[in-house]
Amino acid sequence: MPKSGKEGQGLRVALVASEFNFDVTMMMLERAKEEVEFLGAKLGPVVKTPGVYDMPLAVKLLLQRSDVDAVVTLGAVIEGETNHDEVVMNQAARKLLDLSVEFAKPLGLGISGPGETRLQAQDRIENAAAAVRAVVKMAQRAREISR
């Protein structure tokens, strides 16, 4: 196993995970925690929301905190019999992006879907680690830009 990195040193990363599709999202949460540690960042608050649609409020409250440098959202929006999955994902993603810009803090979109099956969602659990890597990189670059 490779040694842990220092890319995230000095960063505090909060995680927000949807409880909907719990079997997938809790594995995503564990993978994200591992990646935060691997990158040398500190794990901030971990918040569980009922679903992806409920995430923006939790994210806003976390981004307002001075002890949170970045947030990663984790969820799986699985296709149902209607277009509900598209509505949920589109609205949540748009608001989450707006919050990241409003608070000038990176936000990782570790939410898979819409239009995916449960099997596809399970295959995308590793995307949680990619979302953590993305916020760590963006936090570093934001610091460089702000100097």
Protein backbone atom coordinates (compact mmCIF):
# COMPACT_ATOMS: atom_id res chain seq x y z
CA MET A 1 0.00 0.00 0.00
CA PRO A 2 1.41 3.43 -0.90
CA LYS A 3 2.36 5.82 1.85
CA SER A 4 -0.13 8.53 2.61
CA GLY A 5 0.29 11.88 0.97
CA LYS A 6 0.58 15.41 2.19
CA GLU A 7 -1.59 17.03 -0.47
CA GLY A 8 -4.35 17.71 2.00
CA GLN A 9 -2.21 18.89 4.88
CA GLY A 10 -3.83 21.80 6.68
CA LEU A 11 -7.26 21.19 5.12
CA ARG A 12 -10.38 20.18 6.97
CA VAL A 13 -12.84 18.31 4.74
CA ALA A 14 -16.47 17.76 5.77
CA LEU A 15 -18.56 14.97 4.28
CA VAL A 16 -22.30 14.95 3.57
CA ALA A 17 -23.82 11.58 2.72
CA SER A 18 -27.34 10.69 1.67
CA GLU A 19 -29.05 7.96 3.68
CA PHE A 20 -31.20 7.09 0.67
CA ASN A 21 -29.73 4.01 -1.04
CA PHE A 22 -27.89 3.39 2.22
CA ASP A 23 -26.18 0.19 1.01
CA VAL A 24 -24.27 2.20 -1.60
CA THR A 25 -23.83 5.54 0.12
CA MET A 26 -22.39 4.20 3.36
CA MET A 27 -19.68 2.39 1.38
CA MET A 28 -19.04 5.69 -0.41
CA LEU A 29 -18.76 7.42 2.95
CA GLU A 30 -16.19 4.93 4.22
CA ARG A 31 -14.16 5.24 1.01
CA ALA A 32 -14.22 9.05 1.24
CA LYS A 33 -13.02 8.93 4.87
CA GLU A 34 -10.12 6.71 3.82
CA GLU A 35 -9.14 9.13 1.06
CA VAL A 36 -9.25 12.16 3.37
CA GLU A 37 -6.84 10.38 5.70
CA PHE A 38 -4.66 9.14 2.83
CA LEU A 39 -4.24 12.69 1.49
CA GLY A 40 -3.21 13.98 4.91
CA ALA A 41 -6.27 16.18 5.39
CA LYS A 42 -8.33 16.28 8.55
CA LEU A 43 -11.82 14.85 8.59
CA GLY A 44 -14.33 17.53 9.47
CA PRO A 45 -17.94 17.00 10.42
CA VAL A 46 -19.77 14.08 8.82
CA VAL A 47 -23.45 14.79 8.19
CA LYS A 48 -26.06 12.34 6.95
CA THR A 49 -29.09 13.71 5.13
CA PRO A 50 -32.28 11.82 4.25
CA GLY A 51 -31.56 12.18 0.54
CA VAL A 52 -29.57 14.06 -2.09
CA TYR A 53 -32.29 16.70 -2.43
CA ASP A 54 -31.81 17.55 1.26
CA MET A 55 -28.08 18.16 0.98
CA PRO A 56 -27.90 21.87 0.09
CA LEU A 57 -29.02 23.03 3.53
CA ALA A 58 -26.47 20.84 5.33
CA VAL A 59 -23.77 21.95 2.90
CA LYS A 60 -24.60 25.62 3.40
CA LEU A 61 -24.37 25.28 7.17
CA LEU A 62 -21.01 23.51 6.84
CA LEU A 63 -19.59 26.04 4.38
CA GLN A 64 -20.46 28.84 6.81
CA ARG A 65 -18.17 27.28 9.43
CA SER A 66 -14.66 28.67 9.73
CA ASP A 67 -13.29 25.21 10.59
CA VAL A 68 -14.42 23.68 7.26
CA ASP A 69 -12.27 24.26 4.17
CA ALA A 70 -14.14 21.99 1.74
CA VAL A 71 -17.17 19.70 1.56
CA VAL A 72 -17.72 16.47 -0.34
CA THR A 73 -21.26 15.29 -1.08
CA LEU A 74 -21.93 11.56 -1.45
CA GLY A 75 -25.03 9.94 -2.85
CA ALA A 76 -26.54 7.65 -5.45
CA VAL A 77 -29.51 8.86 -7.48
CA ILE A 78 -30.89 5.65 -8.95
CA GLU A 79 -33.39 5.65 -11.80
CA GLY A 80 -36.98 4.85 -10.94
CA GLU A 81 -40.17 4.56 -12.94
CA THR A 82 -40.48 8.33 -13.42
CA ASN A 83 -38.08 11.22 -14.12
CA HIS A 84 -37.87 12.01 -10.41
CA ASP A 85 -34.17 11.05 -10.34
CA GLU A 86 -33.40 13.71 -12.97
CA VAL A 87 -35.27 16.40 -11.05
CA VAL A 88 -33.51 15.52 -7.79
CA MET A 89 -30.04 15.45 -9.31
CA ASN A 90 -30.41 18.55 -11.47
CA GLN A 91 -31.77 20.70 -8.67
CA ALA A 92 -29.32 19.47 -6.05
CA ALA A 93 -26.28 19.80 -8.31
CA ARG A 94 -27.22 23.33 -9.35
CA LYS A 95 -27.72 24.52 -5.78
CA LEU A 96 -24.56 22.80 -4.54
CA LEU A 97 -22.52 24.54 -7.24
CA ASP A 98 -24.09 27.87 -6.30
CA LEU A 99 -23.13 27.34 -2.65
CA SER A 100 -19.53 26.53 -3.53
CA VAL A 101 -19.22 29.77 -5.48
CA GLU A 102 -21.11 31.80 -2.85
CA PHE A 103 -18.80 30.69 -0.02
CA ALA A 104 -15.64 30.41 -2.18
CA LYS A 105 -14.95 26.92 -0.85
CA PRO A 106 -14.54 23.75 -2.92
CA LEU A 107 -17.37 21.27 -3.06
CA GLY A 108 -16.90 17.75 -4.38
CA LEU A 109 -19.82 16.24 -6.23
CA GLY A 110 -19.49 12.60 -5.25
CA ILE A 111 -23.07 11.87 -6.26
CA SER A 112 -23.65 9.34 -9.00
CA GLY A 113 -26.68 9.40 -11.26
CA PRO A 114 -29.25 10.17 -12.47
CA GLY A 115 -30.34 7.40 -14.77
CA GLU A 116 -28.23 4.68 -13.20
CA THR A 117 -29.18 1.25 -11.93
CA ARG A 118 -28.31 -0.03 -8.46
CA LEU A 119 -25.51 -2.13 -10.00
CA GLN A 120 -24.09 0.92 -11.77
CA ALA A 121 -24.24 2.87 -8.50
CA GLN A 122 -22.29 0.11 -6.75
CA ASP A 123 -19.70 0.21 -9.53
CA ARG A 124 -19.22 3.94 -8.88
CA ILE A 125 -18.45 3.77 -5.15
CA GLU A 126 -14.81 4.65 -5.89
CA ASN A 127 -16.02 8.01 -7.23
CA ALA A 128 -16.22 9.07 -3.59
CA ALA A 129 -12.42 9.05 -3.42
CA ALA A 130 -12.21 11.01 -6.67
CA ALA A 131 -14.48 13.70 -5.20
CA VAL A 132 -12.19 14.01 -2.17
CA ARG A 133 -9.12 14.31 -4.42
CA ALA A 134 -10.89 17.00 -6.45
CA VAL A 135 -11.71 19.21 -3.44
CA VAL A 136 -8.20 18.88 -2.08
CA LYS A 137 -6.73 19.96 -5.43
CA MET A 138 -9.21 22.79 -5.76
CA ALA A 139 -8.55 24.00 -2.22
CA GLN A 140 -4.82 24.12 -2.98
CA ARG A 141 -5.41 26.04 -6.20
CA ALA A 142 -7.85 28.44 -4.55
CA ARG A 143 -5.18 29.25 -1.97
CA GLU A 144 -2.66 29.89 -4.74
CA ILE A 145 -5.06 32.17 -6.62
CA SER A 146 -5.95 34.13 -3.47
CA ARG A 147 -2.34 34.94 -2.58
